[in-house]
């Protein structure tokens, strides 16, 4: 497989990311809803995300909030400095 392939199963709310066409022989649970799929050499060949819509929503919201807070820090400092 040249490019990773992403498949979303709407009815099950599962997102599957395949980085290889190799056969899965094992897996490791990375978190309660995320599983890493491994080939016979123990190499990563895919990732499965359960409750994907909630996971992606939460990840995006947390990332956006972190960026907003990071952006506000310098802004607040410069406002305080000029307002004195």
PDB file of N, CA and C in Angstrom:
ATOM      1  N   UNK A   1       0.847  -1.181   0.000  1.00  0.00           N
ATOM      2  CA  UNK A   1       0.000   0.000   0.000  1.00  0.00           C
ATOM      3  C   UNK A   1       0.892   1.244   0.000  1.00  0.00           C
ATOM      4  N   UNK A   2       0.658   2.125  -0.925  1.00  0.00           N
ATOM      5  CA  UNK A   2       1.456   3.337  -1.029  1.00  0.00           C
ATOM      6  C   UNK A   2       0.990   4.430  -0.082  1.00  0.00           C
ATOM      7  N   UNK A   3      -0.301   4.625  -0.005  1.00  0.00           N
ATOM      8  CA  UNK A   3      -0.854   5.681   0.833  1.00  0.00           C
ATOM      9  C   UNK A   3      -1.711   5.061   1.933  1.00  0.00           C
ATOM     10  N   UNK A   4      -1.724   5.700   3.099  1.00  0.00           N
ATOM     11  CA  UNK A   4      -2.651   5.231   4.134  1.00  0.00           C
ATOM     12  C   UNK A   4      -4.088   5.354   3.636  1.00  0.00           C
ATOM     13  N   UNK A   5      -4.928   4.459   4.087  1.00  0.00           N
ATOM     14  CA  UNK A   5      -6.335   4.447   3.679  1.00  0.00           C
ATOM     15  C   UNK A   5      -7.194   4.630   4.918  1.00  0.00           C
ATOM     16  N   UNK A   6      -8.158   5.529   4.824  1.00  0.00           N
ATOM     17  CA  UNK A   6      -9.055   5.786   5.945  1.00  0.00           C
ATOM     18  C   UNK A   6     -10.473   5.371   5.541  1.00  0.00           C
ATOM     19  N   UNK A   7     -11.110   4.582   6.409  1.00  0.00           N
ATOM     20  CA  UNK A   7     -12.472   4.129   6.167  1.00  0.00           C
ATOM     21  C   UNK A   7     -13.306   4.410   7.408  1.00  0.00           C
ATOM     22  N   UNK A   8     -14.471   5.011   7.199  1.00  0.00           N
ATOM     23  CA  UNK A   8     -15.381   5.280   8.312  1.00  0.00           C
ATOM     24  C   UNK A   8     -16.613   4.411   8.153  1.00  0.00           C
ATOM     25  N   UNK A   9     -16.930   3.674   9.217  1.00  0.00           N
ATOM     26  CA  UNK A   9     -18.111   2.828   9.243  1.00  0.00           C
ATOM     27  C   UNK A   9     -19.177   3.549  10.067  1.00  0.00           C
ATOM     28  N   UNK A  10     -20.077   4.218   9.363  1.00  0.00           N
ATOM     29  CA  UNK A  10     -21.046   5.110   9.996  1.00  0.00           C
ATOM     30  C   UNK A  10     -21.939   4.394  11.010  1.00  0.00           C
ATOM     31  N   UNK A  11     -22.481   3.245  10.647  1.00  0.00           N
ATOM     32  CA  UNK A  11     -23.403   2.541  11.542  1.00  0.00           C
ATOM     33  C   UNK A  11     -22.757   2.143  12.857  1.00  0.00           C
ATOM     34  N   UNK A  12     -21.475   1.792  12.823  1.00  0.00           N
ATOM     35  CA  UNK A  12     -20.756   1.374  14.026  1.00  0.00           C
ATOM     36  C   UNK A  12     -19.979   2.522  14.665  1.00  0.00           C
ATOM     37  N   UNK A  13     -19.853   3.662  13.968  1.00  0.00           N
ATOM     38  CA  UNK A  13     -19.077   4.825  14.406  1.00  0.00           C
ATOM     39  C   UNK A  13     -17.624   4.417  14.678  1.00  0.00           C
ATOM     40  N   UNK A  14     -17.046   3.725  13.691  1.00  0.00           N
ATOM     41  CA  UNK A  14     -15.663   3.254  13.779  1.00  0.00           C
ATOM     42  C   UNK A  14     -14.863   3.864  12.637  1.00  0.00           C
ATOM     43  N   UNK A  15     -13.703   4.395  12.971  1.00  0.00           N
ATOM     44  CA  UNK A  15     -12.774   4.915  11.974  1.00  0.00           C
ATOM     45  C   UNK A  15     -11.586   3.966  11.919  1.00  0.00           C
ATOM     46  N   UNK A  16     -11.268   3.507  10.719  1.00  0.00           N
ATOM     47  CA  UNK A  16     -10.148   2.591  10.544  1.00  0.00           C
ATOM     48  C   UNK A  16      -9.113   3.242   9.639  1.00  0.00           C
ATOM     49  N   UNK A  17      -7.879   3.325  10.114  1.00  0.00           N
ATOM     50  CA  UNK A  17      -6.767   3.864   9.338  1.00  0.00           C
ATOM     51  C   UNK A  17      -5.823   2.705   9.023  1.00  0.00           C
ATOM     52  N   UNK A  18      -5.669   2.398   7.758  1.00  0.00           N
ATOM     53  CA  UNK A  18      -4.776   1.314   7.346  1.00  0.00           C
ATOM     54  C   UNK A  18      -3.526   1.924   6.735  1.00  0.00           C
ATOM     55  N   UNK A  19      -2.376   1.534   7.228  1.00  0.00           N
ATOM     56  CA  UNK A  19      -1.108   2.010   6.667  1.00  0.00           C
ATOM     57  C   UNK A  19      -0.412   0.921   5.861  1.00  0.00           C
ATOM     58  N   UNK A  20      -0.991  -0.272   5.861  1.00  0.00           N
ATOM     59  CA  UNK A  20      -0.428  -1.396   5.126  1.00  0.00           C
ATOM     60  C   UNK A  20      -1.538  -2.391   4.810  1.00  0.00           C
ATOM     61  N   UNK A  21      -1.365  -3.129   3.714  1.00  0.00           N
ATOM     62  CA  UNK A  21      -2.324  -4.172   3.339  1.00  0.00           C
ATOM     63  C   UNK A  21      -1.995  -5.510   3.991  1.00  0.00           C
ATOM     64  N   UNK A  22      -0.954  -5.533   4.832  1.00  0.00           N
ATOM     65  CA  UNK A  22      -0.533  -6.784   5.456  1.00  0.00           C
ATOM     66  C   UNK A  22      -1.625  -7.333   6.384  1.00  0.00           C
ATOM     67  N   UNK A  23      -1.535  -8.606   6.641  1.00  0.00           N
ATOM     68  CA  UNK A  23      -2.488  -9.279   7.508  1.00  0.00           C
ATOM     69  C   UNK A  23      -2.237  -8.889   8.974  1.00  0.00           C
ATOM     70  N   UNK A  24      -3.312  -8.624   9.676  1.00  0.00           N
ATOM     71  CA  UNK A  24      -3.222  -8.326  11.114  1.00  0.00           C
ATOM     72  C   UNK A  24      -3.075  -9.639  11.884  1.00  0.00           C
ATOM     73  N   UNK A  25      -2.042  -9.715  12.723  1.00  0.00           N
ATOM     74  CA  UNK A  25      -1.851 -10.910  13.537  1.00  0.00           C
ATOM     75  C   UNK A  25      -1.917 -10.593  15.031  1.00  0.00           C
ATOM     76  N   UNK A  26      -1.983  -9.323  15.363  1.00  0.00           N
ATOM     77  CA  UNK A  26      -2.072  -8.940  16.764  1.00  0.00           C
ATOM     78  C   UNK A  26      -2.514  -7.499  16.887  1.00  0.00           C
ATOM     79  N   UNK A  27      -2.808  -7.117  18.117  1.00  0.00           N
ATOM     80  CA  UNK A  27      -3.211  -5.737  18.357  1.00  0.00           C
ATOM     81  C   UNK A  27      -2.853  -5.335  19.782  1.00  0.00           C
ATOM     82  N   UNK A  28      -2.769  -4.025  19.972  1.00  0.00           N
ATOM     83  CA  UNK A  28      -2.487  -3.465  21.291  1.00  0.00           C
ATOM     84  C   UNK A  28      -3.516  -2.385  21.553  1.00  0.00           C
ATOM     85  N   UNK A  29      -4.159  -2.443  22.702  1.00  0.00           N
ATOM     86  CA  UNK A  29      -5.113  -1.402  23.075  1.00  0.00           C
ATOM     87  C   UNK A  29      -4.324  -0.203  23.585  1.00  0.00           C
ATOM     88  N   UNK A  30      -4.404   0.912  22.864  1.00  0.00           N
ATOM     89  CA  UNK A  30      -3.698   2.126  23.257  1.00  0.00           C
ATOM     90  C   UNK A  30      -4.494   2.929  24.275  1.00  0.00           C
ATOM     91  N   UNK A  31      -5.804   2.855  24.177  1.00  0.00           N
ATOM     92  CA  UNK A  31      -6.727   3.472  25.125  1.00  0.00           C
ATOM     93  C   UNK A  31      -8.036   2.699  24.984  1.00  0.00           C
ATOM     94  N   UNK A  32      -9.018   2.973  25.828  1.00  0.00           N
ATOM     95  CA  UNK A  32     -10.248   2.175  25.739  1.00  0.00           C
ATOM     96  C   UNK A  32     -10.898   2.128  24.354  1.00  0.00           C
ATOM     97  N   UNK A  33     -10.738   3.156  23.544  1.00  0.00           N
ATOM     98  CA  UNK A  33     -11.384   3.172  22.233  1.00  0.00           C
ATOM     99  C   UNK A  33     -10.422   3.169  21.056  1.00  0.00           C
ATOM    100  N   UNK A  34      -9.129   3.001  21.305  1.00  0.00           N
ATOM    101  CA  UNK A  34      -8.152   3.035  20.219  1.00  0.00           C
ATOM    102  C   UNK A  34      -7.287   1.779  20.271  1.00  0.00           C
ATOM    103  N   UNK A  35      -7.232   1.088  19.139  1.00  0.00           N
ATOM    104  CA  UNK A  35      -6.452  -0.142  19.037  1.00  0.00           C
ATOM    105  C   UNK A  35      -5.452  -0.022  17.893  1.00  0.00           C
ATOM    106  N   UNK A  36      -4.201  -0.374  18.168  1.00  0.00           N
ATOM    107  CA  UNK A  36      -3.166  -0.438  17.142  1.00  0.00           C
ATOM    108  C   UNK A  36      -3.132  -1.871  16.614  1.00  0.00           C
ATOM    109  N   UNK A  37      -3.182  -2.006  15.307  1.00  0.00           N
ATOM    110  CA  UNK A  37      -3.145  -3.313  14.666  1.00  0.00           C
ATOM    111  C   UNK A  37      -1.721  -3.585  14.182  1.00  0.00           C
ATOM    112  N   UNK A  38      -1.246  -4.804  14.404  1.00  0.00           N
ATOM    113  CA  UNK A  38       0.150  -5.156  14.126  1.00  0.00           C
ATOM    114  C   UNK A  38       0.259  -6.313  13.145  1.00  0.00           C
ATOM    115  N   UNK A  39       1.359  -6.324  12.377  1.00  0.00           N
ATOM    116  CA  UNK A  39       1.627  -7.458  11.490  1.00  0.00           C
ATOM    117  C   UNK A  39       2.427  -8.515  12.254  1.00  0.00           C
ATOM    118  N   UNK A  40       2.898  -9.532  11.540  1.00  0.00           N
ATOM    119  CA  UNK A  40       3.620 -10.624  12.200  1.00  0.00           C
ATOM    120  C   UNK A  40       4.999 -10.212  12.718  1.00  0.00           C
ATOM    121  N   UNK A  41       5.489  -9.031  12.318  1.00  0.00           N
ATOM    122  CA  UNK A  41       6.767  -8.521  12.812  1.00  0.00           C
ATOM    123  C   UNK A  41       6.574  -7.530  13.964  1.00  0.00           C
ATOM    124  N   UNK A  42       5.324  -7.317  14.351  1.00  0.00           N
ATOM    125  CA  UNK A  42       5.031  -6.368  15.420  1.00  0.00           C
ATOM    126  C   UNK A  42       5.006  -4.920  14.956  1.00  0.00           C
ATOM    127  N   UNK A  43       4.936  -4.723  13.647  1.00  0.00           N
ATOM    128  CA  UNK A  43       4.912  -3.376  13.084  1.00  0.00           C
ATOM    129  C   UNK A  43       3.472  -2.884  12.946  1.00  0.00           C
ATOM    130  N   UNK A  44       3.301  -1.598  13.097  1.00  0.00           N
ATOM    131  CA  UNK A  44       1.979  -0.990  12.988  1.00  0.00           C
ATOM    132  C   UNK A  44       1.484  -1.054  11.555  1.00  0.00           C
ATOM    133  N   UNK A  45       0.278  -1.601  11.383  1.00  0.00           N
ATOM    134  CA  UNK A  45      -0.325  -1.655  10.046  1.00  0.00           C
ATOM    135  C   UNK A  45      -1.665  -0.935  10.001  1.00  0.00           C
ATOM    136  N   UNK A  46      -2.197  -0.578  11.153  1.00  0.00           N
ATOM    137  CA  UNK A  46      -3.474   0.115  11.172  1.00  0.00           C
ATOM    138  C   UNK A  46      -3.866   0.568  12.560  1.00  0.00           C
ATOM    139  N   UNK A  47      -4.847   1.450  12.594  1.00  0.00           N
ATOM    140  CA  UNK A  47      -5.397   1.942  13.856  1.00  0.00           C
ATOM    141  C   UNK A  47      -6.908   1.941  13.731  1.00  0.00           C
ATOM    142  N   UNK A  48      -7.558   1.460  14.767  1.00  0.00           N
ATOM    143  CA  UNK A  48      -9.021   1.445  14.809  1.00  0.00           C
ATOM    144  C   UNK A  48      -9.481   2.329  15.962  1.00  0.00           C
ATOM    145  N   UNK A  49     -10.418   3.237  15.667  1.00  0.00           N
ATOM    146  CA  UNK A  49     -10.943   4.148  16.681  1.00  0.00           C
ATOM    147  C   UNK A  49     -12.437   3.897  16.822  1.00  0.00           C
ATOM    148  N   UNK A  50     -12.845   3.426  17.993  1.00  0.00           N
ATOM    149  CA  UNK A  50     -14.255   3.231  18.296  1.00  0.00           C
ATOM    150  C   UNK A  50     -14.843   4.557  18.779  1.00  0.00           C
ATOM    151  N   UNK A  51     -16.154   4.726  18.610  1.00  0.00           N
ATOM    152  CA  UNK A  51     -16.816   5.987  18.971  1.00  0.00           C
ATOM    153  C   UNK A  51     -16.047   7.157  18.353  1.00  0.00           C
ATOM    154  N   UNK A  52     -15.738   6.996  17.079  1.00  0.00           N
ATOM    155  CA  UNK A  52     -14.860   7.919  16.364  1.00  0.00           C
ATOM    156  C   UNK A  52     -15.389   9.347  16.332  1.00  0.00           C
ATOM    157  N   UNK A  53     -16.676   9.544  16.144  1.00  0.00           N
ATOM    158  CA  UNK A  53     -17.196  10.910  16.042  1.00  0.00           C
ATOM    159  C   UNK A  53     -16.965  11.673  17.336  1.00  0.00           C
ATOM    160  N   UNK A  54     -17.170  11.029  18.474  1.00  0.00           N
ATOM    161  CA  UNK A  54     -16.923  11.680  19.762  1.00  0.00           C
ATOM    162  C   UNK A  54     -15.440  11.918  19.976  1.00  0.00           C
ATOM    163  N   UNK A  55     -14.622  10.945  19.611  1.00  0.00           N
ATOM    164  CA  UNK A  55     -13.178  11.077  19.778  1.00  0.00           C
ATOM    165  C   UNK A  55     -12.644  12.254  18.972  1.00  0.00           C
ATOM    166  N   UNK A  56     -13.032  12.331  17.711  1.00  0.00           N
ATOM    167  CA  UNK A  56     -12.540  13.409  16.850  1.00  0.00           C
ATOM    168  C   UNK A  56     -13.062  14.754  17.324  1.00  0.00           C
ATOM    169  N   UNK A  57     -14.340  14.832  17.688  1.00  0.00           N
ATOM    170  CA  UNK A  57     -14.901  16.081  18.201  1.00  0.00           C
ATOM    171  C   UNK A  57     -14.128  16.543  19.430  1.00  0.00           C
ATOM    172  N   UNK A  58     -13.928  15.647  20.383  1.00  0.00           N
ATOM    173  CA  UNK A  58     -13.225  16.002  21.620  1.00  0.00           C
ATOM    174  C   UNK A  58     -11.782  16.406  21.346  1.00  0.00           C
ATOM    175  N   UNK A  59     -11.109  15.677  20.447  1.00  0.00           N
ATOM    176  CA  UNK A  59      -9.723  15.990  20.118  1.00  0.00           C
ATOM    177  C   UNK A  59      -9.613  17.375  19.488  1.00  0.00           C
ATOM    178  N   UNK A  60     -10.503  17.665  18.565  1.00  0.00           N
ATOM    179  CA  UNK A  60     -10.480  18.975  17.896  1.00  0.00           C
ATOM    180  C   UNK A  60     -10.796  20.084  18.890  1.00  0.00           C
ATOM    181  N   UNK A  61     -11.779  19.879  19.756  1.00  0.00           N
ATOM    182  CA  UNK A  61     -12.134  20.903  20.737  1.00  0.00           C
ATOM    183  C   UNK A  61     -10.986  21.150  21.716  1.00  0.00           C
ATOM    184  N   UNK A  62     -10.345  20.086  22.188  1.00  0.00           N
ATOM    185  CA  UNK A  62      -9.219  20.238  23.107  1.00  0.00           C
ATOM    186  C   UNK A  62      -8.050  20.943  22.428  1.00  0.00           C
ATOM    187  N   UNK A  63      -7.773  20.594  21.198  1.00  0.00           N
ATOM    188  CA  UNK A  63      -6.682  21.230  20.458  1.00  0.00           C
ATOM    189  C   UNK A  63      -6.973  22.699  20.214  1.00  0.00           C
ATOM    190  N   UNK A  64      -8.204  22.995  19.829  1.00  0.00           N
ATOM    191  CA  UNK A  64      -8.584  24.389  19.580  1.00  0.00           C
ATOM    192  C   UNK A  64      -8.507  25.200  20.868  1.00  0.00           C
ATOM    193  N   UNK A  65      -8.995  24.636  21.951  1.00  0.00           N
ATOM    194  CA  UNK A  65      -8.965  25.346  23.234  1.00  0.00           C
ATOM    195  C   UNK A  65      -7.524  25.609  23.667  1.00  0.00           C
ATOM    196  N   UNK A  66      -6.653  24.648  23.486  1.00  0.00           N
ATOM    197  CA  UNK A  66      -5.241  24.827  23.848  1.00  0.00           C
ATOM    198  C   UNK A  66      -4.617  25.935  23.012  1.00  0.00           C
ATOM    199  N   UNK A  67      -4.910  25.965  21.719  1.00  0.00           N
ATOM    200  CA  UNK A  67      -4.373  27.011  20.851  1.00  0.00           C
ATOM    201  C   UNK A  67      -4.908  28.378  21.263  1.00  0.00           C
ATOM    202  N   UNK A  68      -6.199  28.453  21.569  1.00  0.00           N
ATOM    203  CA  UNK A  68      -6.800  29.728  21.975  1.00  0.00           C
ATOM    204  C   UNK A  68      -6.156  30.227  23.254  1.00  0.00           C
ATOM    205  N   UNK A  69      -5.983  29.333  24.209  1.00  0.00           N
ATOM    206  CA  UNK A  69      -5.349  29.737  25.467  1.00  0.00           C
ATOM    207  C   UNK A  69      -3.911  30.176  25.235  1.00  0.00           C
ATOM    208  N   UNK A  70      -3.207  29.486  24.347  1.00  0.00           N
ATOM    209  CA  UNK A  70      -1.821  29.833  24.039  1.00  0.00           C
ATOM    210  C   UNK A  70      -1.744  31.184  23.333  1.00  0.00           C
ATOM    211  N   UNK A  71      -2.685  31.454  22.459  1.00  0.00           N
ATOM    212  CA  UNK A  71      -2.716  32.726  21.736  1.00  0.00           C
ATOM    213  C   UNK A  71      -3.048  33.874  22.688  1.00  0.00           C
ATOM    214  N   UNK A  72      -3.937  33.637  23.630  1.00  0.00           N
ATOM    215  CA  UNK A  72      -4.356  34.690  24.552  1.00  0.00           C
ATOM    216  C   UNK A  72      -3.252  35.100  25.517  1.00  0.00           C
ATOM    217  N   UNK A  73      -2.348  34.211  25.865  1.00  0.00           N
ATOM    218  CA  UNK A  73      -1.287  34.530  26.832  1.00  0.00           C
ATOM    219  C   UNK A  73      -0.467  35.734  26.398  1.00  0.00           C
ATOM    220  N   UNK A  74       0.142  35.733  25.216  1.00  0.00           N
ATOM    221  CA  UNK A  74       0.929  36.911  24.820  1.00  0.00           C
ATOM    222  C   UNK A  74       0.047  38.146  24.652  1.00  0.00           C
ATOM    223  N   UNK A  75      -1.165  37.954  24.163  1.00  0.00           N
ATOM    224  CA  UNK A  75      -2.079  39.071  23.963  1.00  0.00           C
ATOM    225  C   UNK A  75      -2.398  39.730  25.292  1.00  0.00           C
ATOM    226  N   UNK A  76      -2.715  38.942  26.308  1.00  0.00           N
ATOM    227  CA  UNK A  76      -3.038  39.489  27.618  1.00  0.00           C
ATOM    228  C   UNK A  76      -1.850  40.213  28.225  1.00  0.00           C
ATOM    229  N   UNK A  77      -0.645  39.689  28.046  1.00  0.00           N
ATOM    230  CA  UNK A  77       0.551  40.337  28.587  1.00  0.00           C
ATOM    231  C   UNK A  77       0.768  41.690  27.931  1.00  0.00           C
ATOM    232  N   UNK A  78       0.604  41.737  26.589  1.00  0.00           N
ATOM    233  CA  UNK A  78       0.828  43.011  25.913  1.00  0.00           C
ATOM    234  C   UNK A  78      -0.256  44.024  26.263  1.00  0.00           C
ATOM    235  N   UNK A  79      -1.475  43.562  26.486  1.00  0.00           N
ATOM    236  CA  UNK A  79      -2.547  44.471  26.885  1.00  0.00           C
ATOM    237  C   UNK A  79      -2.274  45.014  28.267  1.00  0.00           C
ATOM    238  N   UNK A  80      -1.807  44.154  29.180  1.00  0.00           N
ATOM    239  CA  UNK A  80      -1.505  44.592  30.535  1.00  0.00           C
ATOM    240  C   UNK A  80      -0.351  45.597  30.531  1.00  0.00           C
ATOM    241  N   UNK A  81       0.648  45.337  29.719  1.00  0.00           N
ATOM    242  CA  UNK A  81       1.819  46.217  29.683  1.00  0.00           C
ATOM    243  C   UNK A  81       1.456  47.590  29.119  1.00  0.00           C
ATOM    244  N   UNK A  82       0.624  47.627  28.078  1.00  0.00           N
ATOM    245  CA  UNK A  82       0.288  48.908  27.487  1.00  0.00           C
ATOM    246  C   UNK A  82      -0.785  49.638  28.287  1.00  0.00           C
ATOM    247  N   UNK A  83      -1.516  48.889  29.084  1.00  0.00           N
ATOM    248  CA  UNK A  83      -2.593  49.504  29.844  1.00  0.00           C
ATOM    249  C   UNK A  83      -2.112  50.108  31.158  1.00  0.00           C
ATOM    250  N   UNK A  84      -0.860  49.922  31.524  1.00  0.00           N
ATOM    251  CA  UNK A  84      -0.352  50.428  32.794  1.00  0.00           C
ATOM    252  C   UNK A  84       0.062  51.876  32.726  1.00  0.00           C
TER     253      UNK A  84
END
